Amino acid sequence: MPSMCGGDAAFCQITLTSCFVDRARCVSVGMFTCQVAGEVRQLKAELKKKRSLLQMDELKCRKRVLRRMGYATAADVIELKGRVACEISR
């Protein structure tokens, strides 16, 4: 059963034991629930990857602005000017 549940056997066991209809229907519903749970897990992982890519693009843009304004060096090291600006903004 763990292979069908994507390694989440505890979730499948809870689903199977919480069903009080006939046994064949319980197993069918449990298997379907485990499959859906696996798909949800895969979709969440995919969403996480896409979100991190968007954040990387935003980070690049922010670094570019800091460099253009003279708050950071070309190696993305924050200058004294940038540190002072950070302290003032707090």
C-alpha atoms as a PDB file:
ATOM      1  CA  MET A   1       0.000   0.000   0.000  1.00  0.00           C
ATOM      2  CA  PRO A   2       2.776   2.582   0.684  1.00  0.00           C
ATOM      3  CA  SER A   3       3.858   2.610  -2.971  1.00  0.00           C
ATOM      4  CA  MET A   4       0.332   3.504  -4.039  1.00  0.00           C
ATOM      5  CA  CYS A   5       0.113   6.247  -1.407  1.00  0.00           C
ATOM      6  CA  GLY A   6       3.341   7.903  -2.417  1.00  0.00           C
ATOM      7  CA  GLY A   7       4.997   6.919   0.862  1.00  0.00           C
ATOM      8  CA  ASP A   8       2.191   8.297   3.024  1.00  0.00           C
ATOM      9  CA  ALA A   9       0.853   5.039   4.438  1.00  0.00           C
ATOM     10  CA  ALA A  10      -0.443   6.682   7.614  1.00  0.00           C
ATOM     11  CA  PHE A  11      -2.743   8.926   5.581  1.00  0.00           C
ATOM     12  CA  CYS A  12      -4.056   5.934   3.619  1.00  0.00           C
ATOM     13  CA  GLN A  13      -4.602   3.894   6.774  1.00  0.00           C
ATOM     14  CA  ILE A  14      -6.611   6.709   8.364  1.00  0.00           C
ATOM     15  CA  THR A  15      -8.692   7.035   5.196  1.00  0.00           C
ATOM     16  CA  LEU A  16      -9.350   3.301   5.022  1.00  0.00           C
ATOM     17  CA  THR A  17     -10.224   2.884   8.682  1.00  0.00           C
ATOM     18  CA  SER A  18     -12.469   5.941   8.818  1.00  0.00           C
ATOM     19  CA  CYS A  19     -14.794   4.527   6.125  1.00  0.00           C
ATOM     20  CA  PHE A  20     -17.805   2.723   7.618  1.00  0.00           C
ATOM     21  CA  VAL A  21     -19.553   1.542   4.425  1.00  0.00           C
ATOM     22  CA  ASP A  22     -18.936  -1.880   2.864  1.00  0.00           C
ATOM     23  CA  ARG A  23     -15.301  -3.033   2.724  1.00  0.00           C
ATOM     24  CA  ALA A  24     -14.920  -3.110  -1.097  1.00  0.00           C
ATOM     25  CA  ARG A  25     -16.099   0.477  -1.373  1.00  0.00           C
ATOM     26  CA  CYS A  26     -13.740   1.536   1.438  1.00  0.00           C
ATOM     27  CA  VAL A  27     -10.722   0.097  -0.352  1.00  0.00           C
ATOM     28  CA  SER A  28     -11.755   1.744  -3.612  1.00  0.00           C
ATOM     29  CA  VAL A  29     -12.261   5.131  -1.946  1.00  0.00           C
ATOM     30  CA  GLY A  30      -9.005   4.751  -0.018  1.00  0.00           C
ATOM     31  CA  MET A  31      -7.001   3.994  -3.144  1.00  0.00           C
ATOM     32  CA  PHE A  32      -8.559   6.930  -4.965  1.00  0.00           C
ATOM     33  CA  THR A  33      -7.818   9.217  -2.001  1.00  0.00           C
ATOM     34  CA  CYS A  34      -4.194   8.080  -1.947  1.00  0.00           C
ATOM     35  CA  GLN A  35      -3.833   8.713  -5.677  1.00  0.00           C
ATOM     36  CA  VAL A  36      -5.307  12.195  -5.325  1.00  0.00           C
ATOM     37  CA  ALA A  37      -3.005  12.898  -2.373  1.00  0.00           C
ATOM     38  CA  GLY A  38      -0.021  11.871  -4.502  1.00  0.00           C
ATOM     39  CA  GLU A  39      -1.112  14.135  -7.337  1.00  0.00           C
ATOM     40  CA  VAL A  40      -1.584  17.043  -4.941  1.00  0.00           C
ATOM     41  CA  ARG A  41       1.919  16.458  -3.562  1.00  0.00           C
ATOM     42  CA  GLN A  42       3.381  16.484  -7.092  1.00  0.00           C
ATOM     43  CA  LEU A  43       1.524  19.658  -8.028  1.00  0.00           C
ATOM     44  CA  LYS A  44       2.687  21.398  -4.854  1.00  0.00           C
ATOM     45  CA  ALA A  45       6.306  20.511  -5.671  1.00  0.00           C
ATOM     46  CA  GLU A  46       5.891  21.847  -9.202  1.00  0.00           C
ATOM     47  CA  LEU A  47       4.354  25.067  -7.879  1.00  0.00           C
ATOM     48  CA  LYS A  48       7.239  25.473  -5.442  1.00  0.00           C
ATOM     49  CA  LYS A  49       9.774  25.177  -8.289  1.00  0.00           C
ATOM     50  CA  LYS A  50       7.940  27.751 -10.408  1.00  0.00           C
ATOM     51  CA  ARG A  51       7.608  30.146  -7.475  1.00  0.00           C
ATOM     52  CA  SER A  52      11.347  29.917  -6.770  1.00  0.00           C
ATOM     53  CA  LEU A  53      12.090  30.763 -10.410  1.00  0.00           C
ATOM     54  CA  LEU A  54       9.917  33.869 -10.158  1.00  0.00           C
ATOM     55  CA  GLN A  55      11.678  34.874  -6.958  1.00  0.00           C
ATOM     56  CA  MET A  56      15.071  34.458  -8.639  1.00  0.00           C
ATOM     57  CA  ASP A  57      14.027  36.804 -11.443  1.00  0.00           C
ATOM     58  CA  GLU A  58      12.819  39.363  -8.898  1.00  0.00           C
ATOM     59  CA  LEU A  59      16.077  39.040  -6.950  1.00  0.00           C
ATOM     60  CA  LYS A  60      18.105  39.710 -10.111  1.00  0.00           C
ATOM     61  CA  CYS A  61      16.083  42.853 -10.784  1.00  0.00           C
ATOM     62  CA  ARG A  62      16.532  44.098  -7.218  1.00  0.00           C
ATOM     63  CA  LYS A  63      20.285  43.505  -7.355  1.00  0.00           C
ATOM     64  CA  ARG A  64      20.466  45.416 -10.642  1.00  0.00           C
ATOM     65  CA  VAL A  65      18.701  48.405  -9.067  1.00  0.00           C
ATOM     66  CA  LEU A  66      21.071  48.360  -6.083  1.00  0.00           C
ATOM     67  CA  ARG A  67      24.084  48.293  -8.398  1.00  0.00           C
ATOM     68  CA  ARG A  68      22.756  51.140 -10.561  1.00  0.00           C
ATOM     69  CA  MET A  69      22.084  53.304  -7.506  1.00  0.00           C
ATOM     70  CA  GLY A  70      25.587  52.636  -6.141  1.00  0.00           C
ATOM     71  CA  TYR A  71      24.458  50.672  -3.089  1.00  0.00           C
ATOM     72  CA  ALA A  72      26.190  47.448  -4.207  1.00  0.00           C
ATOM     73  CA  THR A  73      29.302  46.479  -6.146  1.00  0.00           C
ATOM     74  CA  ALA A  74      29.394  44.429  -9.332  1.00  0.00           C
ATOM     75  CA  ALA A  75      30.053  41.379  -7.140  1.00  0.00           C
ATOM     76  CA  ASP A  76      26.778  42.110  -5.264  1.00  0.00           C
ATOM     77  CA  VAL A  77      28.593  43.215  -2.095  1.00  0.00           C
ATOM     78  CA  ILE A  78      26.647  45.924  -0.287  1.00  0.00           C
ATOM     79  CA  GLU A  79      28.598  49.210  -0.041  1.00  0.00           C
ATOM     80  CA  LEU A  80      28.763  51.397   3.054  1.00  0.00           C
ATOM     81  CA  LYS A  81      26.258  53.708   1.342  1.00  0.00           C
ATOM     82  CA  GLY A  82      23.814  50.792   1.122  1.00  0.00           C
ATOM     83  CA  ARG A  83      24.305  49.799   4.751  1.00  0.00           C
ATOM     84  CA  VAL A  84      23.685  53.348   5.921  1.00  0.00           C
ATOM     85  CA  ALA A  85      20.535  53.552   3.783  1.00  0.00           C
ATOM     86  CA  CYS A  86      19.312  50.292   5.294  1.00  0.00           C
ATOM     87  CA  GLU A  87      19.830  51.571   8.853  1.00  0.00           C
ATOM     88  CA  ILE A  88      18.107  54.887   8.091  1.00  0.00           C
ATOM     89  CA  SER A  89      15.056  53.161   6.611  1.00  0.00           C
ATOM     90  CA  ARG A  90      14.488  51.133   9.804  1.00  0.00           C
END
